Amino acid sequence: MKINLLIFISSSKEENNAGEVLMKTFESNIRPIKGDIIEDPGFHPGFHNGYEVVKVTINYASSECFVSLHPLVLEKQEIEMNTYIERLKTHGWKVVSKEELTN
């Protein structure tokens, strides 16, 4: 099954309370459930070793699963939003638009 991990990253320090949705897709026979903790090398170890699954949406017709992770609010952390996003990108995450998610 194709697993799509989704995380929303925001910061009230940025212009217009900027935020981005990032997604990482992979194939797996393991389907996460709400409450699971997902680890990924892109997550900064100084803040979190993993993020909690808050929602799982399954599309059996396309054999696809969308896994929403707990949002990350960076004003509580000592790292810039763009720095964290770049770290995620180097580990296979990509910024996606809301339009990409709804199509």
N, C-alpha and C. Protein backbone atom coordinates (compact mmCIF):
# COMPACT_ATOMS: atom_id res chain seq x y z
N MET A 1 0.84 -1.17 0.00
CA MET A 1 0.00 0.00 0.00
C MET A 1 0.89 1.24 0.00
N LYS A 2 0.46 2.26 -0.75
CA LYS A 2 1.20 3.52 -0.77
C LYS A 2 0.80 4.32 0.47
N ILE A 3 1.80 4.68 1.27
CA ILE A 3 1.59 5.46 2.50
C ILE A 3 2.08 6.88 2.25
N ASN A 4 1.21 7.86 2.48
CA ASN A 4 1.56 9.28 2.33
C ASN A 4 1.53 9.92 3.71
N LEU A 5 2.71 10.24 4.24
CA LEU A 5 2.79 10.94 5.52
C LEU A 5 2.65 12.43 5.26
N LEU A 6 1.82 13.11 6.06
CA LEU A 6 1.59 14.54 5.91
C LEU A 6 1.86 15.24 7.23
N ILE A 7 2.59 16.35 7.16
CA ILE A 7 2.82 17.15 8.36
C ILE A 7 2.66 18.62 7.98
N PHE A 8 1.97 19.37 8.85
CA PHE A 8 1.81 20.80 8.67
C PHE A 8 2.77 21.51 9.61
N ILE A 9 3.58 22.40 9.03
CA ILE A 9 4.56 23.15 9.81
C ILE A 9 4.21 24.62 9.71
N SER A 10 4.11 25.28 10.86
CA SER A 10 3.76 26.71 10.83
C SER A 10 4.61 27.47 11.84
N SER A 11 4.61 28.80 11.64
CA SER A 11 5.31 29.67 12.57
C SER A 11 4.63 31.03 12.56
N SER A 12 4.24 31.51 13.72
CA SER A 12 3.64 32.84 13.80
C SER A 12 4.71 33.92 13.66
N LYS A 13 5.98 33.52 13.69
CA LYS A 13 7.08 34.47 13.50
C LYS A 13 7.21 34.85 12.03
N GLU A 14 6.72 33.97 11.15
CA GLU A 14 6.83 34.21 9.71
C GLU A 14 5.72 35.16 9.25
N GLU A 15 5.90 35.71 8.06
CA GLU A 15 4.90 36.61 7.48
C GLU A 15 3.56 35.90 7.33
N ASN A 16 2.49 36.56 7.72
CA ASN A 16 1.12 36.02 7.60
C ASN A 16 0.97 34.65 8.27
N ASN A 17 1.66 34.43 9.38
CA ASN A 17 1.59 33.13 10.06
C ASN A 17 1.81 31.99 9.06
N ALA A 18 2.87 32.09 8.31
CA ALA A 18 3.17 31.15 7.22
C ALA A 18 3.14 29.71 7.69
N GLY A 19 2.78 28.84 6.78
CA GLY A 19 2.77 27.42 7.05
C GLY A 19 2.90 26.64 5.76
N GLU A 20 3.40 25.45 5.86
CA GLU A 20 3.56 24.57 4.70
C GLU A 20 3.11 23.17 5.07
N VAL A 21 2.55 22.47 4.08
CA VAL A 21 2.24 21.06 4.23
C VAL A 21 3.33 20.30 3.50
N LEU A 22 3.93 19.33 4.18
CA LEU A 22 4.94 18.50 3.55
C LEU A 22 4.47 17.06 3.54
N MET A 23 4.88 16.32 2.50
CA MET A 23 4.45 14.94 2.35
C MET A 23 5.65 14.07 1.98
N LYS A 24 5.63 12.86 2.51
CA LYS A 24 6.62 11.85 2.15
C LYS A 24 5.86 10.57 1.83
N THR A 25 6.14 9.98 0.68
CA THR A 25 5.41 8.80 0.22
C THR A 25 6.34 7.61 0.12
N PHE A 26 5.82 6.45 0.54
CA PHE A 26 6.58 5.21 0.43
C PHE A 26 5.61 4.04 0.39
N GLU A 27 6.11 2.88 0.04
CA GLU A 27 5.33 1.65 0.01
C GLU A 27 5.56 0.89 1.31
N SER A 28 4.47 0.36 1.87
CA SER A 28 4.60 -0.41 3.10
C SER A 28 3.41 -1.34 3.27
N ASN A 29 3.65 -2.47 3.90
CA ASN A 29 2.56 -3.39 4.27
C ASN A 29 2.01 -3.04 5.65
N ILE A 30 2.67 -2.10 6.33
CA ILE A 30 2.25 -1.68 7.66
C ILE A 30 1.46 -0.39 7.53
N ARG A 31 0.23 -0.40 8.05
CA ARG A 31 -0.62 0.79 8.01
C ARG A 31 -0.67 1.41 9.39
N PRO A 32 -0.22 2.68 9.51
CA PRO A 32 -0.27 3.34 10.81
C PRO A 32 -1.71 3.54 11.29
N ILE A 33 -1.87 3.66 12.60
CA ILE A 33 -3.17 3.97 13.18
C ILE A 33 -3.01 5.18 14.11
N LYS A 34 -4.13 5.83 14.40
CA LYS A 34 -4.12 7.00 15.27
C LYS A 34 -3.43 6.65 16.59
N GLY A 35 -2.52 7.53 17.01
CA GLY A 35 -1.79 7.32 18.25
C GLY A 35 -0.40 6.75 18.05
N ASP A 36 -0.13 6.14 16.88
CA ASP A 36 1.23 5.65 16.59
C ASP A 36 2.19 6.83 16.56
N ILE A 37 3.45 6.56 16.84
CA ILE A 37 4.50 7.56 16.74
C ILE A 37 5.35 7.20 15.52
N ILE A 38 5.47 8.13 14.58
CA ILE A 38 6.24 7.91 13.36
C ILE A 38 7.61 8.55 13.52
N GLU A 39 8.65 7.79 13.24
CA GLU A 39 10.01 8.31 13.25
C GLU A 39 10.47 8.50 11.82
N ASP A 40 11.34 9.47 11.60
CA ASP A 40 11.89 9.72 10.27
C ASP A 40 13.21 10.46 10.45
N PRO A 41 14.21 10.15 9.63
CA PRO A 41 15.50 10.84 9.77
C PRO A 41 15.41 12.34 9.52
N GLY A 42 14.36 12.82 8.86
CA GLY A 42 14.19 14.24 8.62
C GLY A 42 13.75 15.02 9.84
N PHE A 43 13.19 14.34 10.83
CA PHE A 43 12.75 15.03 12.04
C PHE A 43 13.97 15.42 12.87
N HIS A 44 14.02 16.65 13.28
CA HIS A 44 15.18 17.15 14.02
C HIS A 44 15.21 16.50 15.41
N PRO A 45 16.28 15.79 15.76
CA PRO A 45 16.33 15.06 17.03
C PRO A 45 16.35 15.98 18.25
N GLY A 46 16.67 17.26 18.06
CA GLY A 46 16.66 18.18 19.17
C GLY A 46 15.26 18.54 19.63
N PHE A 47 14.25 18.24 18.80
CA PHE A 47 12.89 18.62 19.13
C PHE A 47 11.98 17.42 19.30
N HIS A 48 12.05 16.50 18.35
CA HIS A 48 11.17 15.33 18.39
C HIS A 48 11.89 14.14 17.78
N ASN A 49 11.71 12.99 18.37
CA ASN A 49 12.20 11.77 17.73
C ASN A 49 11.13 11.19 16.82
N GLY A 50 9.89 11.63 17.00
CA GLY A 50 8.80 11.14 16.19
C GLY A 50 7.58 12.01 16.39
N TYR A 51 6.61 11.85 15.49
CA TYR A 51 5.38 12.61 15.56
C TYR A 51 4.20 11.66 15.64
N GLU A 52 3.20 12.07 16.40
CA GLU A 52 2.02 11.23 16.61
C GLU A 52 1.08 11.29 15.41
N VAL A 53 0.53 10.13 15.04
CA VAL A 53 -0.48 10.04 14.00
C VAL A 53 -1.79 10.54 14.59
N VAL A 54 -2.39 11.56 13.93
CA VAL A 54 -3.64 12.12 14.43
C VAL A 54 -4.84 11.75 13.56
N LYS A 55 -4.59 11.32 12.32
CA LYS A 55 -5.69 10.95 11.43
C LYS A 55 -5.16 10.02 10.34
N VAL A 56 -5.96 9.02 9.98
CA VAL A 56 -5.61 8.10 8.90
C VAL A 56 -6.80 8.02 7.96
N THR A 57 -6.55 8.27 6.68
CA THR A 57 -7.59 8.17 5.65
C THR A 57 -7.14 7.12 4.64
N ILE A 58 -7.99 6.12 4.39
CA ILE A 58 -7.64 5.03 3.50
C ILE A 58 -8.52 5.08 2.26
N ASN A 59 -7.88 4.95 1.09
CA ASN A 59 -8.59 4.83 -0.17
C ASN A 59 -8.28 3.44 -0.71
N TYR A 60 -9.18 2.49 -0.48
CA TYR A 60 -8.94 1.12 -0.91
C TYR A 60 -8.93 0.99 -2.43
N ALA A 61 -9.68 1.84 -3.13
CA ALA A 61 -9.72 1.78 -4.59
C ALA A 61 -8.35 2.04 -5.21
N SER A 62 -7.58 2.95 -4.58
CA SER A 62 -6.26 3.26 -5.12
C SER A 62 -5.13 2.63 -4.30
N SER A 63 -5.50 1.84 -3.27
CA SER A 63 -4.53 1.22 -2.38
C SER A 63 -3.57 2.27 -1.81
N GLU A 64 -4.18 3.33 -1.27
CA GLU A 64 -3.42 4.47 -0.79
C GLU A 64 -3.92 4.88 0.60
N CYS A 65 -3.00 5.34 1.42
CA CYS A 65 -3.30 5.72 2.79
C CYS A 65 -2.67 7.09 3.06
N PHE A 66 -3.48 8.04 3.58
CA PHE A 66 -2.98 9.35 3.95
C PHE A 66 -2.92 9.42 5.46
N VAL A 67 -1.74 9.73 5.99
CA VAL A 67 -1.49 9.72 7.42
C VAL A 67 -1.12 11.14 7.86
N SER A 68 -2.00 11.77 8.61
CA SER A 68 -1.74 13.11 9.12
C SER A 68 -1.02 13.02 10.45
N LEU A 69 0.12 13.71 10.53
CA LEU A 69 0.90 13.75 11.76
C LEU A 69 0.58 15.01 12.54
N HIS A 70 0.86 14.98 13.83
CA HIS A 70 0.61 16.13 14.69
C HIS A 70 1.34 17.34 14.12
N PRO A 71 0.65 18.49 13.96
CA PRO A 71 1.30 19.68 13.40
C PRO A 71 2.47 20.15 14.25
N LEU A 72 3.43 20.79 13.61
CA LEU A 72 4.59 21.33 14.29
C LEU A 72 4.51 22.85 14.27
N VAL A 73 4.47 23.46 15.45
CA VAL A 73 4.44 24.91 15.58
C VAL A 73 5.83 25.35 16.05
N LEU A 74 6.53 26.06 15.19
CA LEU A 74 7.95 26.32 15.45
C LEU A 74 8.23 27.48 16.38
N GLU A 75 7.27 28.34 16.71
CA GLU A 75 7.62 29.42 17.64
C GLU A 75 7.92 28.87 19.03
N LYS A 76 7.56 27.62 19.27
CA LYS A 76 7.88 26.98 20.54
C LYS A 76 9.28 26.38 20.51
N GLN A 77 9.92 26.41 19.36
CA GLN A 77 11.23 25.79 19.19
C GLN A 77 12.28 26.83 18.84
N GLU A 78 13.53 26.45 18.91
CA GLU A 78 14.64 27.36 18.59
C GLU A 78 15.19 27.05 17.21
N ILE A 79 14.31 26.98 16.22
CA ILE A 79 14.74 26.71 14.85
C ILE A 79 13.81 27.47 13.90
N GLU A 80 14.35 27.96 12.81
CA GLU A 80 13.55 28.67 11.81
C GLU A 80 12.76 27.67 10.98
N MET A 81 11.57 28.09 10.57
CA MET A 81 10.70 27.22 9.79
C MET A 81 11.38 26.75 8.50
N ASN A 82 12.01 27.67 7.78
CA ASN A 82 12.66 27.29 6.52
C ASN A 82 13.82 26.31 6.74
N THR A 83 14.52 26.45 7.83
CA THR A 83 15.62 25.53 8.16
C THR A 83 15.07 24.13 8.38
N TYR A 84 13.96 24.03 9.11
CA TYR A 84 13.36 22.72 9.37
C TYR A 84 12.82 22.11 8.08
N ILE A 85 12.18 22.92 7.25
CA ILE A 85 11.64 22.43 5.98
C ILE A 85 12.77 21.93 5.09
N GLU A 86 13.87 22.65 5.03
CA GLU A 86 15.01 22.20 4.21
C GLU A 86 15.56 20.88 4.72
N ARG A 87 15.60 20.71 6.03
CA ARG A 87 16.06 19.44 6.61
C ARG A 87 15.14 18.30 6.16
N LEU A 88 13.83 18.53 6.21
CA LEU A 88 12.88 17.51 5.78
C LEU A 88 13.07 17.18 4.30
N LYS A 89 13.23 18.21 3.47
CA LYS A 89 13.41 18.00 2.03
C LYS A 89 14.63 17.12 1.74
N THR A 90 15.71 17.31 2.49
CA THR A 90 16.91 16.50 2.25
C THR A 90 16.69 15.04 2.62
N HIS A 91 15.60 14.76 3.33
CA HIS A 91 15.28 13.39 3.72
C HIS A 91 14.02 12.86 3.00
N GLY A 92 13.73 13.42 1.82
CA GLY A 92 12.67 12.86 0.98
C GLY A 92 11.28 13.46 1.12
N TRP A 93 11.12 14.48 1.94
CA TRP A 93 9.84 15.16 2.07
C TRP A 93 9.73 16.21 0.98
N LYS A 94 8.48 16.53 0.56
CA LYS A 94 8.29 17.59 -0.42
C LYS A 94 7.12 18.46 0.02
N VAL A 95 7.22 19.75 -0.31
CA VAL A 95 6.13 20.69 -0.03
C VAL A 95 5.02 20.42 -1.03
N VAL A 96 3.79 20.33 -0.54
CA VAL A 96 2.63 20.10 -1.42
C VAL A 96 1.58 21.17 -1.17
N SER A 97 0.85 21.48 -2.22
CA SER A 97 -0.23 22.47 -2.11
C SER A 97 -1.52 21.76 -1.70
N LYS A 98 -2.48 22.55 -1.22
CA LYS A 98 -3.77 21.97 -0.86
C LYS A 98 -4.46 21.37 -2.08
N GLU A 99 -4.22 21.97 -3.26
CA GLU A 99 -4.80 21.46 -4.50
C GLU A 99 -4.27 20.05 -4.82
N GLU A 100 -2.98 19.85 -4.59
CA GLU A 100 -2.39 18.52 -4.84
C GLU A 100 -3.01 17.48 -3.92
N LEU A 101 -3.36 17.86 -2.71
CA LEU A 101 -3.92 16.92 -1.75
C LEU A 101 -5.38 16.56 -2.06
N THR A 102 -6.10 17.49 -2.69
CA THR A 102 -7.51 17.24 -2.96
C THR A 102 -7.75 16.58 -4.30
N ASN A 103 -6.74 16.47 -5.13
CA ASN A 103 -6.90 15.83 -6.45
C ASN A 103 -6.47 14.39 -6.43
